[in-house]
């Protein structure tokens, strides 16, 4: 019951990478599972609400028929395992809560894979604490640390601020556009701290974590898919060929993530879409706070 998890900063391309890998015959992509489980009236990428989607209702029935735990309690406990405030407790603790959640997660994963007819589940919730929890407590887990240049991540956040959609931080949305310099400072620090936290997870469980750069899926797909195939112990050759040849990929029954998942098909490209302009001041700000990891990850400063 292999559990693959994508972790990293928001706006790093996790929704697309999740869906892309879900086109493998062995991997079932489910989107942002941590937040999605508790919103059973939310939309599935198939166009139906989860409570009307045959796939998700079957998954829920499978789980509830095999365990005494309710779906809602399991969803609540899963959210708790992904909250950043639980990071130190997860790092140093081994509570009854964690042991119980492991059993429930194994039952859930087994039931979902029976419905999907695949060998591995792929969850792209991104939360570093959930990644730590899986790496430490769930034996058959693999963590993909997805990194994107901080300019690209920050530019995406800056776009939303400019459109009046505010800045999201720690599950809250701040709407005052005059505080954009503060928001962007927080974003730069968060990119640094969030990725450093995931680096700590790799130190704790080095064989369970792999770092991949979003840009490499476009720049050197052969190498990145070979690297992932070896790490996951799953053949990704069909997905690799589809990406290289520009063939359309499909979304499964994913939950959460950005609006691109509502499309029936997509063609992967790291260059797709317009470049989002961002004032030079913010680019300088990003480098002031992010330069150590930019250097480690091999990102250019100019």
Protein backbone atom coordinates (compact mmCIF):
# COMPACT_ATOMS: atom_id res chain seq x y z
CA UNK A 1 0.00 0.00 0.00
CA UNK A 2 2.48 2.59 -1.21
CA UNK A 3 1.72 6.19 -0.26
CA UNK A 4 3.43 8.85 -2.39
CA UNK A 5 3.29 12.42 -1.12
CA UNK A 6 4.25 15.69 -2.82
CA UNK A 7 5.41 18.38 -0.42
CA UNK A 8 6.66 21.91 -1.03
CA UNK A 9 5.46 25.49 -1.22
CA UNK A 10 2.09 26.46 -2.67
CA UNK A 11 2.10 27.58 -6.33
CA UNK A 12 5.01 25.25 -7.12
CA UNK A 13 3.17 23.18 -9.74
CA UNK A 14 2.06 20.36 -7.45
CA UNK A 15 -1.44 20.06 -8.96
CA UNK A 16 -0.05 19.48 -12.46
CA UNK A 17 2.76 17.15 -11.35
CA UNK A 18 0.25 15.19 -9.28
CA UNK A 19 -2.08 14.77 -12.25
CA UNK A 20 0.80 13.98 -14.60
CA UNK A 21 2.11 11.11 -12.45
CA UNK A 22 -1.48 9.91 -12.02
CA UNK A 23 -1.41 8.95 -15.70
CA UNK A 24 0.84 6.05 -14.73
CA UNK A 25 -0.82 2.63 -14.73
CA UNK A 26 0.41 2.13 -11.16
CA UNK A 27 -0.30 5.51 -9.50
CA UNK A 28 -3.66 6.91 -8.44
CA UNK A 29 -3.59 10.70 -8.18
CA UNK A 30 -6.09 12.09 -5.66
CA UNK A 31 -5.05 15.75 -5.36
CA UNK A 32 -4.93 17.54 -1.99
CA UNK A 33 -6.22 14.78 0.23
CA UNK A 34 -5.52 16.36 3.63
CA UNK A 35 -7.93 19.26 3.17
CA UNK A 36 -10.25 17.47 0.76
CA UNK A 37 -11.36 14.52 2.91
CA UNK A 38 -13.34 16.72 5.28
CA UNK A 39 -15.19 18.56 2.51
CA UNK A 40 -17.24 15.73 1.07
CA UNK A 41 -19.53 18.17 -0.74
CA UNK A 42 -16.57 19.75 -2.57
CA UNK A 43 -16.04 19.29 -6.30
CA UNK A 44 -14.13 16.36 -7.74
CA UNK A 45 -12.24 16.98 -10.98
CA UNK A 46 -14.79 14.74 -12.73
CA UNK A 47 -17.27 17.63 -12.41
CA UNK A 48 -19.41 16.14 -9.64
CA UNK A 49 -19.44 16.79 -5.92
CA UNK A 50 -17.60 14.14 -3.95
CA UNK A 51 -20.89 13.03 -2.41
CA UNK A 52 -22.29 12.42 -5.93
CA UNK A 53 -19.11 10.96 -7.44
CA UNK A 54 -19.25 7.19 -7.74
CA UNK A 55 -15.51 6.93 -7.23
CA UNK A 56 -15.39 8.82 -3.91
CA UNK A 57 -18.60 7.33 -2.54
CA UNK A 58 -17.11 3.88 -3.21
CA UNK A 59 -13.88 4.88 -1.46
CA UNK A 60 -15.84 6.12 1.55
CA UNK A 61 -17.99 3.00 1.68
CA UNK A 62 -14.90 0.81 1.47
CA UNK A 63 -13.30 2.65 4.38
CA UNK A 64 -16.34 2.77 6.65
CA UNK A 65 -17.14 -0.92 6.06
CA UNK A 66 -13.67 -2.01 7.20
CA UNK A 67 -13.07 0.18 10.25
CA UNK A 68 -14.95 1.38 13.31
CA UNK A 69 -13.60 4.88 12.73
CA UNK A 70 -15.98 7.37 11.11
CA UNK A 71 -14.98 9.12 7.88
CA UNK A 72 -15.36 12.54 9.50
CA UNK A 73 -13.10 11.61 12.43
CA UNK A 74 -10.51 10.20 10.04
CA UNK A 75 -10.64 13.42 7.99
CA UNK A 76 -10.21 15.54 11.13
CA UNK A 77 -7.24 13.47 12.34
CA UNK A 78 -5.65 13.65 8.87
CA UNK A 79 -5.91 17.45 8.89
CA UNK A 80 -4.28 17.52 12.33
CA UNK A 81 -1.37 15.42 11.06
CA UNK A 82 -0.71 18.08 8.42
CA UNK A 83 -0.78 21.20 10.60
CA UNK A 84 2.51 23.06 11.01
CA UNK A 85 1.95 23.56 14.75
CA UNK A 86 2.27 19.77 15.16
CA UNK A 87 5.73 19.66 13.53
CA UNK A 88 7.85 19.35 16.70
CA UNK A 89 5.43 16.88 18.29
CA UNK A 90 5.55 14.77 15.13
CA UNK A 91 9.34 15.03 14.98
CA UNK A 92 9.97 13.88 18.55
CA UNK A 93 6.73 12.13 19.59
CA UNK A 94 5.21 8.69 19.09
CA UNK A 95 1.75 9.04 20.59
CA UNK A 96 -1.26 6.74 20.54
CA UNK A 97 -2.83 9.27 18.15
CA UNK A 98 -0.11 8.66 15.57
CA UNK A 99 -0.26 4.88 15.91
CA UNK A 100 -4.03 4.91 15.53
CA UNK A 101 -3.92 7.21 12.51
CA UNK A 102 -1.41 4.92 10.80
CA UNK A 103 -3.89 2.03 10.99
CA UNK A 104 -6.73 4.21 9.73
CA UNK A 105 -4.57 5.55 6.88
CA UNK A 106 -3.58 2.04 5.86
CA UNK A 107 -7.26 1.02 5.75
CA UNK A 108 -8.14 4.10 3.73
CA UNK A 109 -5.28 3.58 1.28
CA UNK A 110 -6.10 -0.09 0.81
CA UNK A 111 -9.74 0.70 0.13
CA UNK A 112 -8.96 3.49 -2.32
CA UNK A 113 -6.47 1.37 -4.26
CA UNK A 114 -9.05 -1.43 -4.49
CA UNK A 115 -11.47 1.02 -6.10
CA UNK A 116 -8.79 2.48 -8.39
CA UNK A 117 -7.15 -0.84 -9.30
CA UNK A 118 -3.67 0.63 -8.84
CA UNK A 119 -0.63 0.02 -6.63
CA UNK A 120 0.13 3.46 -5.16
CA UNK A 121 -1.76 6.53 -4.00
CA UNK A 122 -0.43 10.03 -4.76
CA UNK A 123 -1.40 12.88 -2.41
CA UNK A 124 -0.24 16.43 -3.23
CA UNK A 125 -1.36 18.23 -0.08
CA UNK A 126 2.14 19.77 0.26
CA UNK A 127 2.07 20.27 4.06
CA UNK A 128 5.59 19.67 5.46
CA UNK A 129 4.21 18.26 8.70
CA UNK A 130 2.15 15.68 6.81
CA UNK A 131 5.31 14.76 4.91
CA UNK A 132 7.16 14.31 8.20
CA UNK A 133 4.30 12.27 9.63
CA UNK A 134 4.27 9.93 6.64
CA UNK A 135 8.05 9.61 6.51
CA UNK A 136 8.26 8.79 10.20
CA UNK A 137 5.18 6.65 10.84
CA UNK A 138 3.91 5.21 7.54
CA UNK A 139 6.31 2.46 6.49
CA UNK A 140 5.52 2.28 2.77
CA UNK A 141 5.73 6.02 2.05
CA UNK A 142 7.76 8.05 -0.43
CA UNK A 143 8.06 11.84 -0.25
CA UNK A 144 8.64 14.02 -3.33
CA UNK A 145 10.02 17.43 -2.32
CA UNK A 146 8.92 19.65 -5.21
CA UNK A 147 10.84 22.91 -5.52
CA UNK A 148 10.16 25.86 -7.82
CA UNK A 149 12.22 29.03 -8.25
CA UNK A 150 11.05 31.52 -5.59
CA UNK A 151 10.49 34.17 -8.28
CA UNK A 152 7.86 31.97 -9.92
CA UNK A 153 6.16 31.15 -6.62
CA UNK A 154 6.14 34.78 -5.43
CA UNK A 155 4.98 36.13 -8.81
CA UNK A 156 1.96 33.85 -8.66
CA UNK A 157 1.11 35.13 -5.17
CA UNK A 158 1.69 38.73 -6.30
CA UNK A 159 -0.77 38.21 -9.15
CA UNK A 160 -3.52 37.18 -6.75
CA UNK A 161 -2.84 40.17 -4.51
CA UNK A 162 -3.10 42.45 -7.55
CA UNK A 163 -6.42 40.90 -8.53
CA UNK A 164 -7.88 41.62 -5.11
CA UNK A 165 -7.91 37.97 -4.03
CA UNK A 166 -5.60 38.65 -1.13
CA UNK A 167 -2.68 36.74 0.33
CA UNK A 168 -3.15 33.31 1.92
CA UNK A 169 -0.98 32.39 4.87
CA UNK A 170 -1.49 29.63 7.46
CA UNK A 171 -5.02 28.90 6.22
CA UNK A 172 -6.12 32.54 6.44
CA UNK A 173 -6.61 35.15 3.70
CA UNK A 174 -5.44 38.76 4.13
CA UNK A 175 -7.11 41.23 1.78
CA UNK A 176 -5.40 44.62 2.32
CA UNK A 177 -3.44 45.31 -0.93
CA UNK A 178 -1.47 48.12 0.76
CA UNK A 179 0.32 45.45 2.77
CA UNK A 180 1.72 43.80 -0.37
CA UNK A 181 5.37 44.50 0.66
CA UNK A 182 4.71 42.74 3.97
CA UNK A 183 2.98 39.82 2.23
CA UNK A 184 5.85 39.37 -0.19
CA UNK A 185 8.39 39.50 2.65
CA UNK A 186 6.44 36.79 4.44
CA UNK A 187 6.30 34.77 1.21
CA UNK A 188 10.08 34.97 0.74
CA UNK A 189 10.72 33.90 4.33
CA UNK A 190 8.10 31.14 4.03
CA UNK A 191 9.76 29.74 0.89
CA UNK A 192 13.05 29.57 2.77
CA UNK A 193 11.66 28.18 6.03
CA UNK A 194 9.21 25.74 4.41
CA UNK A 195 11.83 24.18 2.16
CA UNK A 196 14.33 24.07 5.04
CA UNK A 197 11.77 22.14 7.13
CA UNK A 198 11.44 19.59 4.33
CA UNK A 199 15.23 19.39 4.18
CA UNK A 200 15.14 18.45 7.87
CA UNK A 201 12.73 15.61 7.04
CA UNK A 202 15.28 14.28 4.55
CA UNK A 203 17.90 14.29 7.31
CA UNK A 204 15.55 12.30 9.56
CA UNK A 205 14.46 9.83 6.85
CA UNK A 206 16.99 10.19 3.97
CA UNK A 207 15.80 7.13 2.02
CA UNK A 208 12.20 8.33 1.96
CA UNK A 209 12.65 11.81 0.49
CA UNK A 210 13.72 12.95 -2.97
CA UNK A 211 14.14 16.54 -4.14
CA UNK A 212 13.01 17.45 -7.65
CA UNK A 213 12.83 20.85 -9.34
CA UNK A 214 9.64 21.71 -11.19
CA UNK A 215 11.63 23.28 -14.01
CA UNK A 216 13.46 19.99 -14.67
CA UNK A 217 10.28 18.31 -15.91
CA UNK A 218 10.52 20.63 -18.92
CA UNK A 219 14.29 21.09 -19.18
CA UNK A 220 15.42 17.47 -18.79
CA UNK A 221 12.44 15.13 -18.61
CA UNK A 222 14.40 11.95 -19.38
CA UNK A 223 16.66 12.44 -16.39
CA UNK A 224 13.93 13.49 -13.96
CA UNK A 225 11.62 10.60 -14.86
CA UNK A 226 14.47 8.11 -14.57
CA UNK A 227 15.29 9.56 -11.16
CA UNK A 228 11.67 9.33 -10.00
CA UNK A 229 11.14 5.83 -11.41
CA UNK A 230 14.12 4.53 -9.49
CA UNK A 231 13.05 6.28 -6.28
CA UNK A 232 9.41 5.22 -6.44
CA UNK A 233 10.20 1.77 -7.90
CA UNK A 234 7.48 2.38 -10.48
CA UNK A 235 7.77 2.40 -14.27
CA UNK A 236 7.03 5.95 -15.51
CA UNK A 237 8.09 5.45 -19.12
CA UNK A 238 4.59 6.00 -20.56
CA UNK A 239 4.18 9.28 -18.68
CA UNK A 240 7.67 10.35 -19.72
CA UNK A 241 6.95 9.67 -23.38
CA UNK A 242 3.64 11.56 -23.22
CA UNK A 243 5.35 14.61 -21.71
CA UNK A 244 8.24 14.59 -24.20
CA UNK A 245 5.93 14.15 -27.22
CA UNK A 246 3.35 16.69 -26.05
CA UNK A 247 0.53 14.16 -25.79
CA UNK A 248 -2.57 15.09 -23.75
CA UNK A 249 -2.78 13.83 -20.19
CA UNK A 250 -5.96 13.32 -18.19
CA UNK A 251 -7.14 14.19 -14.71
CA UNK A 252 -8.58 11.44 -12.56
CA UNK A 253 -10.75 12.03 -9.51
CA UNK A 254 -8.65 14.70 -7.84
CA UNK A 255 -9.76 17.04 -5.07
CA UNK A 256 -8.34 20.42 -4.05
CA UNK A 257 -5.59 22.11 -6.04
CA UNK A 258 -5.99 24.92 -8.54
CA UNK A 259 -8.54 25.34 -11.32
CA UNK A 260 -6.50 23.57 -13.99
CA UNK A 261 -7.76 20.24 -12.62
CA UNK A 262 -11.23 21.07 -13.93
CA UNK A 263 -10.01 20.56 -17.51
CA UNK A 264 -10.62 17.16 -19.08
CA UNK A 265 -7.09 16.99 -20.49
CA UNK A 266 -3.88 18.99 -20.41
CA UNK A 267 -0.52 19.07 -22.15
CA UNK A 268 2.34 19.57 -19.75
CA UNK A 269 4.73 22.46 -20.27
CA UNK A 270 6.77 24.44 -17.75
CA UNK A 271 6.65 27.40 -20.16
CA UNK A 272 2.87 27.40 -20.55
CA UNK A 273 1.06 30.64 -19.70
CA UNK A 274 2.13 34.26 -19.61
CA UNK A 275 5.05 35.38 -17.50
CA UNK A 276 3.82 37.23 -14.45
CA UNK A 277 5.61 40.58 -14.07
CA UNK A 278 6.85 41.42 -10.59
CA UNK A 279 8.61 44.63 -9.45
CA UNK A 280 12.39 44.43 -9.18
CA UNK A 281 12.12 45.43 -5.52
CA UNK A 282 10.41 42.13 -4.72
CA UNK A 283 12.97 40.13 -6.69
CA UNK A 284 15.72 41.74 -4.63
CA UNK A 285 13.75 41.01 -1.47
CA UNK A 286 13.46 37.36 -2.44
CA UNK A 287 17.20 37.04 -2.94
CA UNK A 288 17.95 38.66 0.41
CA UNK A 289 15.97 35.97 2.23
CA UNK A 290 16.20 32.97 -0.11
CA UNK A 291 19.78 33.03 -1.40
CA UNK A 292 21.11 30.09 0.72
CA UNK A 293 18.64 27.54 -0.67
CA UNK A 294 18.67 29.13 -4.13
CA UNK A 295 22.40 28.41 -4.13
CA UNK A 296 21.92 24.83 -2.91
CA UNK A 297 19.18 24.13 -5.47
CA UNK A 298 21.21 25.62 -8.32
CA UNK A 299 18.93 28.55 -9.12
CA UNK A 300 20.37 31.64 -10.78
CA UNK A 301 20.36 34.94 -8.93
CA UNK A 302 20.03 37.05 -12.09
